[in-house]
Amino acid sequence: MHLRKHSGLFTFLALILLLAGGLAGQKAGRNFNPKRPAQTRPPRMEKVIIGYYPCEKRAVVDYRQINFDYLTHLAEAFVWPDRDGHLIVSSKFIYPELLAAAHKNGVKVIMSIGGWGNCDGFPPMATSSEKRARFISEVLDFCLLHGYDGVDLDWEFVSNEEEKAGFSSLVKELSVLLKAQDPPLLLTMAAPAGPYWGRWIDFEELHPYFDFISFMTYDFHGPWTDHAGHNSPLYNCGGDSCGSVDDTFSYALIREIPLKKILLGIPFYGRSFEAAGLYKPATNSQYYVYSEIKKLIASGWKYNWDSCAEVPYLLSPSKKTLLSFDDKKSIQKKAQYLLAKKAAGFIIWEITADVVNGRAELLPVVYQSINYQGDK
């Protein structure tokens, strides 16, 4: 059943009921711990940089090692829904020191819901009005209790007409409650990078409900492809049809998403392939974070620059393995592209992956590349 096709009166009454339920849960949260202080610090940058921070990486990079000067938002990942519409939160996710440090530095913190492997609860929750209302209420209460500045939806992936309708209802109803807060809470989403999964999301209708729509412009190649290719190419090359950042940006415009809401993704990781070369048949694809890739370069893997795709790749000493990744140069190329296209900014997966010898190597480049040049 397509819930978005109900009459206007029913929708109005349903939203009023949701709002009343949410505000009832609001009182306890605000009285308990008003952790969202007014952001009096002026904005440090025009472009948006949302860095994802996986809560399980706290032992790798804790809140004291994050340079918040390079971020506008921090997306803490992940919590998720169960099949009955309850919000599931691991003990590792509760991190008040992280929120306090971010807020002290003028950075907003959003709670990311879902993520790969955490999405089984989305379909039964979103397609049931009762479960959806329960989930939205619990999300709001959690945000208010702990001081989050908003919510990021990362459903990977909406995959049929029933789920499409449920996702639309979830977005609209959640947005009503988030925007009713004082100050309003943010709503963002991590979006698929192309039409294969994007066909199940009604971007044209839903974009007014989001502050930003973040396209996951990475994982264009991986264990799921039968050939080697770039993880996050800026442009398509060699007749490859698996997509690129440029393809995704064009797709976002086709789906009528305003430039001021379009965020593109930068990966702080890469993927390897056992293959004779780019776009050749491949096996055994592996995931490497940037700090691991730096060690491979130091151990003798050969650096190559693909001037068509505008990204680098490595070749192993045996020349049987290639590894596609992003580095400072490719990030600068993507920043130039973003500025030329006048998109809103970047998301980064994820900000612990580029830390080498205790210092972030790529995050400062993201910031400097889009803020020192300006829109010219």
Protein backbone atom coordinates (compact mmCIF):
# COMPACT_ATOMS: atom_id res chain seq x y z
CA MET A 1 0.00 0.00 0.00
CA HIS A 2 1.36 3.42 -0.98
CA LEU A 3 0.98 5.46 2.19
CA ARG A 4 1.87 8.68 0.39
CA LYS A 5 -1.41 8.36 -1.59
CA HIS A 6 -3.66 8.79 1.47
CA SER A 7 -5.93 11.81 1.51
CA GLY A 8 -4.59 15.14 2.71
CA LEU A 9 -6.81 15.08 5.78
CA PHE A 10 -5.49 11.69 6.92
CA THR A 11 -1.91 12.79 6.44
CA PHE A 12 -2.53 15.98 8.43
CA LEU A 13 -4.13 14.09 11.32
CA ALA A 14 -1.36 11.46 11.32
CA LEU A 15 1.34 14.10 11.51
CA ILE A 16 -0.46 15.89 14.35
CA LEU A 17 -0.58 12.61 16.29
CA LEU A 18 3.09 11.97 15.63
CA LEU A 19 4.02 15.46 16.70
CA ALA A 20 2.06 15.14 19.91
CA GLY A 21 3.73 11.83 20.70
CA GLY A 22 7.17 13.23 19.94
CA LEU A 23 6.69 16.31 22.07
CA ALA A 24 5.48 14.15 24.94
CA GLY A 25 8.83 12.36 24.81
CA GLN A 26 10.65 15.65 24.39
CA LYS A 27 10.04 16.94 27.90
CA ALA A 28 12.00 14.26 29.72
CA GLY A 29 14.89 14.54 27.29
CA ARG A 30 15.21 18.32 27.61
CA ASN A 31 14.86 18.28 31.40
CA PHE A 32 17.41 15.51 31.72
CA ASN A 33 20.30 16.91 29.77
CA PRO A 34 20.14 19.92 27.44
CA LYS A 35 23.43 19.17 25.68
CA ARG A 36 22.90 21.15 22.49
CA PRO A 37 24.24 24.60 23.33
CA ALA A 38 23.54 27.47 20.95
CA GLN A 39 26.14 27.59 18.18
CA THR A 40 27.43 31.12 18.71
CA ARG A 41 30.63 30.60 16.75
CA PRO A 42 30.38 31.96 13.18
CA PRO A 43 30.64 29.41 10.36
CA ARG A 44 34.24 28.69 9.41
CA MET A 45 33.54 27.54 5.86
CA GLU A 46 30.88 27.83 3.20
CA LYS A 47 31.15 24.25 2.00
CA VAL A 48 29.95 21.29 4.06
CA ILE A 49 32.28 18.53 5.22
CA ILE A 50 30.58 15.64 7.02
CA GLY A 51 33.03 13.10 8.42
CA TYR A 52 31.72 9.68 9.40
CA TYR A 53 33.08 8.30 12.66
CA PRO A 54 32.43 4.59 13.30
CA CYS A 55 31.81 4.16 17.01
CA GLU A 56 33.81 0.90 17.10
CA LYS A 57 36.95 2.82 16.04
CA ARG A 58 37.19 4.68 19.33
CA ALA A 59 40.23 2.63 20.32
CA VAL A 60 41.94 3.62 17.05
CA VAL A 61 41.11 7.35 17.09
CA ASP A 62 39.42 8.86 20.13
CA TYR A 63 37.72 12.24 20.38
CA ARG A 64 40.95 13.98 21.43
CA GLN A 65 42.64 13.00 18.15
CA ILE A 66 39.94 14.45 15.88
CA ASN A 67 40.76 17.84 14.39
CA PHE A 68 37.31 19.40 14.32
CA ASP A 69 38.61 22.49 12.51
CA TYR A 70 38.38 20.51 9.27
CA LEU A 71 34.72 19.49 9.71
CA THR A 72 31.32 21.14 9.73
CA HIS A 73 29.50 17.98 10.83
CA LEU A 74 30.39 14.65 12.41
CA ALA A 75 28.22 11.63 11.63
CA GLU A 76 28.56 9.07 14.40
CA ALA A 77 27.89 5.58 13.00
CA PHE A 78 25.85 3.45 13.60
CA VAL A 79 22.58 2.79 15.39
CA TRP A 80 19.77 0.87 13.66
CA PRO A 81 16.12 -0.18 13.80
CA ASP A 82 14.94 -3.65 14.74
CA ARG A 83 11.97 -5.30 13.07
CA ASP A 84 9.54 -3.96 15.69
CA GLY A 85 10.57 -0.34 15.30
CA HIS A 86 12.84 -0.05 18.32
CA LEU A 87 16.10 1.90 18.11
CA ILE A 88 19.08 -0.38 18.75
CA VAL A 89 22.10 1.35 20.29
CA SER A 90 25.31 -0.46 21.20
CA SER A 91 27.17 0.47 24.37
CA LYS A 92 30.09 1.70 22.22
CA PHE A 93 27.89 4.33 20.62
CA ILE A 94 27.27 6.27 23.84
CA TYR A 95 30.13 8.77 23.72
CA PRO A 96 29.34 12.06 25.52
CA GLU A 97 32.96 13.24 25.32
CA LEU A 98 32.76 13.12 21.52
CA LEU A 99 29.66 15.31 21.38
CA ALA A 100 31.05 17.76 23.93
CA ALA A 101 34.32 18.16 22.00
CA ALA A 102 32.50 18.61 18.68
CA HIS A 103 30.10 21.20 20.07
CA LYS A 104 32.94 23.06 21.76
CA ASN A 105 34.51 23.41 18.32
CA GLY A 106 31.32 24.48 16.57
CA VAL A 107 30.76 21.12 14.83
CA LYS A 108 27.30 19.59 14.69
CA VAL A 109 26.93 15.86 15.44
CA ILE A 110 24.36 13.74 13.64
CA MET A 111 23.35 10.21 14.53
CA SER A 112 23.70 7.88 11.55
CA ILE A 113 21.08 5.14 11.39
CA GLY A 114 21.68 1.94 9.44
CA GLY A 115 24.87 1.30 7.51
CA TRP A 116 25.83 -1.79 5.58
CA GLY A 117 24.75 -4.94 7.44
CA ASN A 118 22.45 -3.07 9.84
CA CYS A 119 19.41 -2.55 7.64
CA ASP A 120 17.26 -5.68 8.03
CA GLY A 121 14.93 -3.83 10.39
CA PHE A 122 14.18 -0.98 8.00
CA PRO A 123 11.59 -2.67 5.73
CA PRO A 124 9.28 -4.07 8.45
CA MET A 125 9.58 -0.87 10.46
CA ALA A 126 9.09 1.63 7.64
CA THR A 127 6.16 -0.17 6.01
CA SER A 128 4.14 -0.30 9.26
CA SER A 129 2.59 2.95 10.47
CA GLU A 130 2.62 1.72 14.08
CA LYS A 131 6.26 0.58 14.04
CA ARG A 132 7.32 3.67 12.15
CA ALA A 133 5.73 5.96 14.76
CA ARG A 134 7.45 4.02 17.56
CA PHE A 135 10.82 4.27 15.84
CA ILE A 136 10.51 7.99 15.11
CA SER A 137 9.59 8.69 18.72
CA GLU A 138 12.57 6.71 20.04
CA VAL A 139 14.94 8.44 17.60
CA LEU A 140 13.76 11.88 18.71
CA ASP A 141 13.99 11.00 22.40
CA PHE A 142 17.52 9.65 21.95
CA CYS A 143 18.64 12.79 20.10
CA LEU A 144 17.25 15.07 22.76
CA LEU A 145 18.57 12.99 25.63
CA HIS A 146 22.15 12.89 24.35
CA GLY A 147 22.37 16.21 22.51
CA TYR A 148 22.57 15.17 18.86
CA ASP A 149 21.99 17.85 16.26
CA GLY A 150 20.18 15.62 13.81
CA VAL A 151 19.75 12.29 12.09
CA ASP A 152 21.34 10.63 9.06
CA LEU A 153 19.41 7.84 7.31
CA ASP A 154 21.65 5.18 5.76
CA TRP A 155 19.27 2.47 4.51
CA GLU A 156 21.31 0.19 2.23
CA PHE A 157 19.18 -0.26 0.21
CA VAL A 158 15.51 0.49 -0.45
CA SER A 159 14.72 -2.23 -2.99
CA ASN A 160 11.05 -2.46 -4.04
CA GLU A 161 7.85 -0.46 -4.40
CA GLU A 162 6.55 -1.26 -0.91
CA GLU A 163 9.84 -0.21 0.68
CA LYS A 164 9.88 2.91 -1.51
CA ALA A 165 6.52 3.99 -0.09
CA GLY A 166 7.63 3.15 3.47
CA PHE A 167 10.84 5.14 3.08
CA SER A 168 8.90 8.16 1.83
CA SER A 169 6.57 8.01 4.82
CA LEU A 170 9.48 7.58 7.22
CA VAL A 171 11.29 10.61 5.81
CA LYS A 172 8.23 12.88 5.87
CA GLU A 173 7.08 11.92 9.37
CA LEU A 174 10.58 12.01 10.86
CA SER A 175 11.21 15.39 9.27
CA VAL A 176 8.07 16.88 10.85
CA LEU A 177 9.25 16.04 14.36
CA LEU A 178 12.89 16.99 13.80
CA LYS A 179 11.99 20.37 12.34
CA ALA A 180 9.50 21.05 15.18
CA GLN A 181 12.35 21.19 17.71
CA ASP A 182 13.95 24.41 18.89
CA PRO A 183 16.43 24.70 17.27
CA PRO A 184 15.32 22.37 14.45
CA LEU A 185 17.23 19.11 14.12
CA LEU A 186 18.95 18.16 10.85
CA LEU A 187 17.88 15.34 8.54
CA THR A 188 20.34 13.92 6.00
CA MET A 189 20.62 10.69 4.06
CA ALA A 190 23.39 8.55 2.60
CA ALA A 191 22.15 7.97 -0.95
CA PRO A 192 23.06 5.34 -3.54
CA ALA A 193 25.37 6.64 -6.24
CA GLY A 194 23.24 5.74 -9.25
CA PRO A 195 19.92 4.57 -10.69
CA TYR A 196 20.20 0.86 -9.85
CA TRP A 197 19.20 1.48 -6.21
CA GLY A 198 18.20 5.08 -6.68
CA ARG A 199 15.10 4.09 -8.66
CA TRP A 200 13.44 3.11 -5.38
CA ILE A 201 13.85 6.56 -3.81
CA ASP A 202 11.50 9.39 -4.75
CA PHE A 203 14.17 12.10 -4.70
CA GLU A 204 11.98 14.58 -6.58
CA GLU A 205 9.37 14.52 -3.82
CA LEU A 206 11.62 13.98 -0.82
CA HIS A 207 14.48 16.43 -1.25
CA PRO A 208 12.59 19.29 0.50
CA TYR A 209 12.54 17.18 3.68
CA PHE A 210 16.33 16.79 3.78
CA ASP A 211 19.01 19.30 4.68
CA PHE A 212 21.55 17.35 2.62
CA ILE A 213 21.53 14.30 0.37
CA SER A 214 24.93 12.60 0.51
CA PHE A 215 25.80 10.41 -2.46
CA MET A 216 28.10 7.49 -1.67
CA THR A 217 30.44 8.00 -4.62
CA TYR A 218 32.70 5.05 -3.85
CA ASP A 219 32.51 1.26 -4.17
CA PHE A 220 32.03 1.57 -7.91
CA HIS A 221 34.16 -1.59 -8.12
CA GLY A 222 34.74 -4.32 -5.55
CA PRO A 223 34.20 -8.03 -4.84
CA TRP A 224 30.79 -7.77 -6.55
CA THR A 225 32.29 -6.82 -9.95
CA ASP A 226 33.86 -9.36 -12.28
CA HIS A 227 36.64 -6.99 -13.33
CA ALA A 228 39.14 -4.64 -11.76
CA GLY A 229 38.38 -0.93 -11.66
CA HIS A 230 38.61 2.20 -9.61
CA ASN A 231 36.96 2.47 -6.23
CA SER A 232 35.98 6.11 -6.74
CA PRO A 233 36.87 7.42 -10.22
CA LEU A 234 36.11 11.05 -10.95
CA TYR A 235 35.37 10.11 -14.57
CA ASN A 236 34.54 6.91 -16.45
CA CYS A 237 37.29 5.50 -18.65
CA GLY A 238 38.05 2.51 -20.84
CA GLY A 239 34.42 1.93 -21.74
CA ASP A 240 33.63 0.96 -18.16
CA SER A 241 29.97 1.27 -17.19
CA CYS A 242 30.16 0.94 -13.39
CA GLY A 243 29.88 4.64 -12.68
CA SER A 244 31.91 7.61 -11.49
CA VAL A 245 31.61 10.73 -9.38
CA ASP A 246 30.75 12.70 -12.51
CA ASP A 247 28.01 10.21 -13.42
CA THR A 248 26.54 10.50 -9.92
CA PHE A 249 26.50 14.28 -10.00
CA SER A 250 24.68 14.22 -13.34
CA TYR A 251 22.22 11.71 -11.90
CA ALA A 252 21.54 13.95 -8.89
CA LEU A 253 20.65 16.82 -11.20
CA ILE A 254 18.38 14.59 -13.28
CA ARG A 255 16.58 13.65 -10.05
CA GLU A 256 15.99 17.39 -9.41
CA ILE A 257 18.07 17.67 -6.23
CA PRO A 258 19.12 21.29 -5.56
CA LEU A 259 22.85 22.00 -5.70
CA LYS A 260 22.75 23.38 -2.14
CA LYS A 261 21.81 19.90 -0.89
CA ILE A 262 24.15 17.70 -2.96
CA LEU A 263 27.11 16.18 -1.10
CA LEU A 264 29.61 13.90 -2.85
CA GLY A 265 31.61 11.15 -1.17
CA ILE A 266 35.35 10.81 -0.66
CA PRO A 267 36.71 7.44 0.52
CA PHE A 268 39.65 7.25 2.87
CA TYR A 269 40.13 3.65 1.73
CA GLY A 270 40.75 1.65 -1.42
CA ARG A 271 40.12 -1.77 -2.96
CA SER A 272 42.56 -4.26 -4.44
CA PHE A 273 42.06 -6.75 -7.26
CA GLU A 274 43.94 -9.79 -8.47
CA ALA A 275 43.98 -8.84 -12.13
CA ALA A 276 46.20 -8.31 -15.17
CA GLY A 277 45.24 -4.63 -15.23
CA LEU A 278 42.47 -2.09 -14.99
CA TYR A 279 39.14 -3.30 -16.42
CA LYS A 280 40.55 -6.83 -16.79
CA PRO A 281 38.88 -9.92 -15.22
CA ALA A 282 39.57 -9.92 -11.50
CA THR A 283 39.28 -12.00 -8.34
CA ASN A 284 39.95 -11.61 -4.62
CA SER A 285 39.12 -7.96 -4.01
CA GLN A 286 40.21 -6.65 -0.59
CA TYR A 287 39.53 -3.48 1.46
CA TYR A 288 42.47 -1.30 2.59
CA VAL A 289 42.30 1.86 4.67
CA TYR A 290 44.58 4.70 3.66
CA SER A 291 47.01 4.14 6.54
CA GLU A 292 47.54 0.56 5.31
CA ILE A 293 48.00 1.75 1.73
CA LYS A 294 50.79 4.08 2.84
CA LYS A 295 52.64 1.06 4.19
CA LEU A 296 52.27 -0.76 0.86
CA ILE A 297 53.81 2.22 -0.95
CA ALA A 298 56.72 2.17 1.50
CA SER A 299 57.18 -1.57 0.92
CA GLY A 300 57.64 -1.24 -2.84
CA TRP A 301 54.21 -1.13 -4.45
CA LYS A 302 54.43 1.10 -7.54
CA TYR A 303 52.37 4.30 -7.65
CA ASN A 304 50.48 5.08 -10.88
CA TRP A 305 48.26 8.01 -11.83
CA ASP A 306 45.27 7.46 -14.14
CA SER A 307 44.96 10.78 -15.97
CA CYS A 308 41.59 9.79 -17.42
CA ALA A 309 39.82 8.70 -14.21
CA GLU A 310 41.82 11.31 -12.20
CA VAL A 311 42.66 8.87 -9.40
CA PRO A 312 45.77 6.82 -8.48
CA TYR A 313 46.33 3.10 -8.20
CA LEU A 314 49.15 0.85 -7.01
CA LEU A 315 50.72 -2.21 -8.59
CA SER A 316 52.23 -4.90 -6.37
CA PRO A 317 55.87 -5.90 -6.92
CA SER A 318 54.62 -9.10 -8.59
CA LYS A 319 52.35 -6.99 -10.84
CA LYS A 320 49.51 -9.41 -10.13
CA THR A 321 47.57 -7.11 -7.79
CA LEU A 322 46.38 -3.55 -8.33
CA LEU A 323 44.85 -1.31 -5.70
CA SER A 324 42.65 1.71 -6.44
CA PHE A 325 42.42 4.43 -3.79
CA ASP A 326 42.27 8.19 -3.21
CA ASP A 327 45.18 10.38 -2.20
CA LYS A 328 45.92 14.08 -1.82
CA LYS A 329 46.08 14.69 -5.57
CA SER A 330 42.79 12.95 -6.38
CA ILE A 331 41.05 14.76 -3.52
CA GLN A 332 42.24 18.07 -4.94
CA LYS A 333 40.85 17.08 -8.35
CA LYS A 334 37.49 16.21 -6.80
CA ALA A 335 37.49 19.47 -4.85
CA GLN A 336 38.06 21.42 -8.07
CA TYR A 337 35.17 19.51 -9.63
CA LEU A 338 32.88 20.22 -6.67
CA LEU A 339 33.67 23.93 -6.73
CA ALA A 340 33.11 24.14 -10.48
CA LYS A 341 29.77 22.37 -10.20
CA LYS A 342 28.76 24.43 -7.13
CA ALA A 343 27.68 21.40 -5.09
CA ALA A 344 27.28 21.80 -1.32
CA GLY A 345 30.24 19.76 -0.10
CA PHE A 346 31.63 16.33 0.76
CA ILE A 347 31.02 13.37 3.00
CA ILE A 348 33.96 11.22 4.07
CA TRP A 349 34.00 7.54 4.88
CA GLU A 350 35.67 7.53 7.33
CA ILE A 351 37.81 9.88 9.38
CA THR A 352 39.89 7.35 11.32
CA ALA A 353 41.23 5.69 8.16
CA ASP A 354 43.75 8.37 7.12
CA VAL A 355 45.54 8.69 10.45
CA VAL A 356 49.24 7.93 9.96
CA ASN A 357 51.60 8.22 12.94
CA GLY A 358 48.86 9.92 14.92
CA ARG A 359 48.06 12.60 12.33
CA ALA A 360 45.32 12.84 9.70
CA GLU A 361 46.85 13.14 6.22
CA LEU A 362 43.82 13.46 3.93
CA LEU A 363 41.25 15.34 6.02
CA PRO A 364 43.23 18.62 6.01
CA VAL A 365 43.49 18.35 2.21
CA VAL A 366 39.71 18.04 1.87
CA TYR A 367 39.25 21.20 3.93
CA GLN A 368 42.00 23.24 2.30
CA SER A 369 41.02 22.24 -1.24
CA ILE A 370 37.49 23.60 -1.00
CA ASN A 371 38.04 26.55 1.29
CA TYR A 372 41.28 28.16 0.17
CA GLN A 373 40.14 28.40 -3.46
CA GLY A 374 36.60 29.72 -3.01
CA ASP A 375 33.89 29.78 -5.66
CA LYS A 376 35.43 31.62 -8.56
